[in-house]
């Protein structure tokens, strides 16, 4: 985007989340009771 103000710029965010299940359910076909999710979020305005 154009302009010099803070809100005129596009943003990119990286994130990671670690989840551990204490109730005995598993995330990976009964192989693991924890998981890590990660990704990227991009925002731009026109």
PDB file of N, CA and C in Angstrom:
ATOM      1  N   UNK A   1       0.828  -1.185   0.000  1.00  0.00           N
ATOM      2  CA  UNK A   1       0.000   0.000   0.000  1.00  0.00           C
ATOM      3  C   UNK A   1       0.871   1.246   0.000  1.00  0.00           C
ATOM      4  N   UNK A   2       0.219   2.355  -0.236  1.00  0.00           N
ATOM      5  CA  UNK A   2       0.964   3.608  -0.334  1.00  0.00           C
ATOM      6  C   UNK A   2       0.829   4.403   0.943  1.00  0.00           C
ATOM      7  N   UNK A   3       1.683   5.370   1.108  1.00  0.00           N
ATOM      8  CA  UNK A   3       1.630   6.242   2.272  1.00  0.00           C
ATOM      9  C   UNK A   3       2.700   5.892   3.284  1.00  0.00           C
ATOM     10  N   UNK A   4       2.967   6.844   4.182  1.00  0.00           N
ATOM     11  CA  UNK A   4       4.019   6.657   5.173  1.00  0.00           C
ATOM     12  C   UNK A   4       3.484   6.374   6.569  1.00  0.00           C
ATOM     13  N   UNK A   5       2.188   6.430   6.774  1.00  0.00           N
ATOM     14  CA  UNK A   5       1.651   6.191   8.111  1.00  0.00           C
ATOM     15  C   UNK A   5       1.743   4.707   8.475  1.00  0.00           C
ATOM     16  N   UNK A   6       1.613   4.418   9.756  1.00  0.00           N
ATOM     17  CA  UNK A   6       1.747   3.045  10.254  1.00  0.00           C
ATOM     18  C   UNK A   6       0.736   2.098   9.613  1.00  0.00           C
ATOM     19  N   UNK A   7      -0.508   2.535   9.464  1.00  0.00           N
ATOM     20  CA  UNK A   7      -1.565   1.673   8.932  1.00  0.00           C
ATOM     21  C   UNK A   7      -1.563   1.596   7.406  1.00  0.00           C
ATOM     22  N   UNK A   8      -0.653   2.294   6.739  1.00  0.00           N
ATOM     23  CA  UNK A   8      -0.589   2.257   5.281  1.00  0.00           C
ATOM     24  C   UNK A   8       0.271   1.103   4.778  1.00  0.00           C
ATOM     25  N   UNK A   9       0.975   0.430   5.670  1.00  0.00           N
ATOM     26  CA  UNK A   9       1.883  -0.640   5.251  1.00  0.00           C
ATOM     27  C   UNK A   9       1.212  -2.003   5.356  1.00  0.00           C
ATOM     28  N   UNK A  10       1.538  -2.909   4.454  1.00  0.00           N
ATOM     29  CA  UNK A  10       1.057  -4.288   4.605  1.00  0.00           C
ATOM     30  C   UNK A  10       1.750  -4.948   5.795  1.00  0.00           C
ATOM     31  N   UNK A  11       1.134  -5.961   6.350  1.00  0.00           N
ATOM     32  CA  UNK A  11       1.693  -6.652   7.505  1.00  0.00           C
ATOM     33  C   UNK A  11       1.850  -8.127   7.199  1.00  0.00           C
ATOM     34  N   UNK A  12       2.873  -8.714   7.770  1.00  0.00           N
ATOM     35  CA  UNK A  12       3.075 -10.153   7.682  1.00  0.00           C
ATOM     36  C   UNK A  12       3.355 -10.650   9.100  1.00  0.00           C
ATOM     37  N   UNK A  13       2.669 -11.716   9.490  1.00  0.00           N
ATOM     38  CA  UNK A  13       2.823 -12.282  10.830  1.00  0.00           C
ATOM     39  C   UNK A  13       3.106 -13.772  10.716  1.00  0.00           C
ATOM     40  N   UNK A  14       4.060 -14.223  11.489  1.00  0.00           N
ATOM     41  CA  UNK A  14       4.360 -15.644  11.601  1.00  0.00           C
ATOM     42  C   UNK A  14       3.878 -16.102  12.965  1.00  0.00           C
ATOM     43  N   UNK A  15       3.316 -17.303  13.030  1.00  0.00           N
ATOM     44  CA  UNK A  15       2.835 -17.782  14.321  1.00  0.00           C
ATOM     45  C   UNK A  15       3.103 -19.271  14.461  1.00  0.00           C
ATOM     46  N   UNK A  16       3.190 -19.702  15.710  1.00  0.00           N
ATOM     47  CA  UNK A  16       3.335 -21.119  16.036  1.00  0.00           C
ATOM     48  C   UNK A  16       2.572 -21.373  17.327  1.00  0.00           C
ATOM     49  N   UNK A  17       1.911 -22.517  17.399  1.00  0.00           N
ATOM     50  CA  UNK A  17       1.133 -22.894  18.569  1.00  0.00           C
ATOM     51  C   UNK A  17       1.459 -24.328  18.940  1.00  0.00           C
ATOM     52  N   UNK A  18       1.734 -24.555  20.213  1.00  0.00           N
ATOM     53  CA  UNK A  18       1.968 -25.901  20.720  1.00  0.00           C
ATOM     54  C   UNK A  18       0.761 -26.295  21.564  1.00  0.00           C
ATOM     55  N   UNK A  19       0.165 -27.446  21.266  1.00  0.00           N
ATOM     56  CA  UNK A  19      -1.007 -27.934  21.994  1.00  0.00           C
ATOM     57  C   UNK A  19      -0.695 -29.293  22.600  1.00  0.00           C
ATOM     58  N   UNK A  20      -1.035 -29.457  23.876  1.00  0.00           N
ATOM     59  CA  UNK A  20      -0.879 -30.741  24.544  1.00  0.00           C
ATOM     60  C   UNK A  20      -2.215 -31.098  25.161  1.00  0.00           C
ATOM     61  N   UNK A  21      -2.712 -32.281  24.839  1.00  0.00           N
ATOM     62  CA  UNK A  21      -4.011 -32.733  25.317  1.00  0.00           C
ATOM     63  C   UNK A  21      -3.818 -33.578  26.569  1.00  0.00           C
ATOM     64  N   UNK A  22      -4.458 -33.183  27.642  1.00  0.00           N
ATOM     65  CA  UNK A  22      -4.339 -33.905  28.905  1.00  0.00           C
ATOM     66  C   UNK A  22      -5.484 -34.877  29.144  1.00  0.00           C
ATOM     67  N   UNK A  23      -6.429 -34.981  28.226  1.00  0.00           N
ATOM     68  CA  UNK A  23      -7.606 -35.820  28.433  1.00  0.00           C
ATOM     69  C   UNK A  23      -7.501 -37.181  27.766  1.00  0.00           C
ATOM     70  N   UNK A  24      -6.366 -37.530  27.206  1.00  0.00           N
ATOM     71  CA  UNK A  24      -6.197 -38.838  26.599  1.00  0.00           C
ATOM     72  C   UNK A  24      -6.562 -38.910  25.131  1.00  0.00           C
ATOM     73  N   UNK A  25      -7.155 -37.859  24.573  1.00  0.00           N
ATOM     74  CA  UNK A  25      -7.426 -37.839  23.132  1.00  0.00           C
ATOM     75  C   UNK A  25      -6.111 -37.599  22.398  1.00  0.00           C
ATOM     76  N   UNK A  26      -6.032 -38.072  21.167  1.00  0.00           N
ATOM     77  CA  UNK A  26      -4.787 -37.872  20.424  1.00  0.00           C
ATOM     78  C   UNK A  26      -5.044 -37.076  19.158  1.00  0.00           C
ATOM     79  N   UNK A  27      -4.005 -36.439  18.657  1.00  0.00           N
ATOM     80  CA  UNK A  27      -4.090 -35.625  17.450  1.00  0.00           C
ATOM     81  C   UNK A  27      -3.708 -36.405  16.200  1.00  0.00           C
ATOM     82  N   UNK A  28      -2.990 -37.515  16.348  1.00  0.00           N
ATOM     83  CA  UNK A  28      -2.401 -38.204  15.200  1.00  0.00           C
ATOM     84  C   UNK A  28      -2.697 -39.702  15.256  1.00  0.00           C
ATOM     85  N   UNK A  29      -3.959 -40.084  15.144  1.00  0.00           N
ATOM     86  CA  UNK A  29      -4.364 -41.499  15.124  1.00  0.00           C
ATOM     87  C   UNK A  29      -3.778 -42.298  16.281  1.00  0.00           C
ATOM     88  N   UNK A  30      -3.964 -41.783  17.492  1.00  0.00           N
ATOM     89  CA  UNK A  30      -3.509 -42.447  18.722  1.00  0.00           C
ATOM     90  C   UNK A  30      -1.996 -42.587  18.817  1.00  0.00           C
ATOM     91  N   UNK A  31      -1.245 -41.784  18.090  1.00  0.00           N
ATOM     92  CA  UNK A  31       0.217 -41.838  18.158  1.00  0.00           C
ATOM     93  C   UNK A  31       0.794 -40.752  19.052  1.00  0.00           C
ATOM     94  N   UNK A  32       0.098 -39.626  19.169  1.00  0.00           N
ATOM     95  CA  UNK A  32       0.661 -38.496  19.896  1.00  0.00           C
ATOM     96  C   UNK A  32      -0.456 -37.712  20.572  1.00  0.00           C
ATOM     97  N   UNK A  33      -0.190 -37.207  21.772  1.00  0.00           N
ATOM     98  CA  UNK A  33      -1.187 -36.378  22.444  1.00  0.00           C
ATOM     99  C   UNK A  33      -0.780 -34.904  22.450  1.00  0.00           C
ATOM    100  N   UNK A  34       0.148 -34.528  21.549  1.00  0.00           N
ATOM    101  CA  UNK A  34       0.502 -33.125  21.379  1.00  0.00           C
ATOM    102  C   UNK A  34       0.725 -32.828  19.895  1.00  0.00           C
ATOM    103  N   UNK A  35       0.685 -31.544  19.563  1.00  0.00           N
ATOM    104  CA  UNK A  35       0.871 -31.139  18.168  1.00  0.00           C
ATOM    105  C   UNK A  35       1.405 -29.715  18.113  1.00  0.00           C
ATOM    106  N   UNK A  36       2.026 -29.370  17.009  1.00  0.00           N
ATOM    107  CA  UNK A  36       2.499 -28.011  16.748  1.00  0.00           C
ATOM    108  C   UNK A  36       1.868 -27.539  15.443  1.00  0.00           C
ATOM    109  N   UNK A  37       1.224 -26.389  15.495  1.00  0.00           N
ATOM    110  CA  UNK A  37       0.651 -25.756  14.306  1.00  0.00           C
ATOM    111  C   UNK A  37       1.422 -24.469  14.040  1.00  0.00           C
ATOM    112  N   UNK A  38       1.683 -24.184  12.768  1.00  0.00           N
ATOM    113  CA  UNK A  38       2.392 -22.958  12.428  1.00  0.00           C
ATOM    114  C   UNK A  38       1.861 -22.419  11.109  1.00  0.00           C
ATOM    115  N   UNK A  39       2.089 -21.131  10.876  1.00  0.00           N
ATOM    116  CA  UNK A  39       1.603 -20.544   9.638  1.00  0.00           C
ATOM    117  C   UNK A  39       2.015 -19.095   9.494  1.00  0.00           C
ATOM    118  N   UNK A  40       1.474 -18.479   8.447  1.00  0.00           N
ATOM    119  CA  UNK A  40       1.766 -17.089   8.101  1.00  0.00           C
ATOM    120  C   UNK A  40       0.449 -16.391   7.809  1.00  0.00           C
ATOM    121  N   UNK A  41       0.311 -15.168   8.287  1.00  0.00           N
ATOM    122  CA  UNK A  41      -0.857 -14.343   7.987  1.00  0.00           C
ATOM    123  C   UNK A  41      -0.363 -13.065   7.326  1.00  0.00           C
ATOM    124  N   UNK A  42      -0.993 -12.691   6.219  1.00  0.00           N
ATOM    125  CA  UNK A  42      -0.610 -11.482   5.486  1.00  0.00           C
ATOM    126  C   UNK A  42      -1.835 -10.587   5.347  1.00  0.00           C
ATOM    127  N   UNK A  43      -1.648  -9.298   5.638  1.00  0.00           N
ATOM    128  CA  UNK A  43      -2.719  -8.318   5.473  1.00  0.00           C
ATOM    129  C   UNK A  43      -2.230  -7.202   4.565  1.00  0.00           C
ATOM    130  N   UNK A  44      -3.090  -6.777   3.649  1.00  0.00           N
ATOM    131  CA  UNK A  44      -2.779  -5.649   2.770  1.00  0.00           C
ATOM    132  C   UNK A  44      -4.066  -4.875   2.512  1.00  0.00           C
ATOM    133  N   UNK A  45      -3.948  -3.577   2.328  1.00  0.00           N
ATOM    134  CA  UNK A  45      -5.110  -2.723   2.072  1.00  0.00           C
ATOM    135  C   UNK A  45      -4.937  -2.024   0.742  1.00  0.00           C
ATOM    136  N   UNK A  46      -6.048  -1.825   0.046  1.00  0.00           N
ATOM    137  CA  UNK A  46      -6.031  -1.088  -1.217  1.00  0.00           C
ATOM    138  C   UNK A  46      -6.914   0.119  -1.113  1.00  0.00           C
TER     139      UNK A  46
END
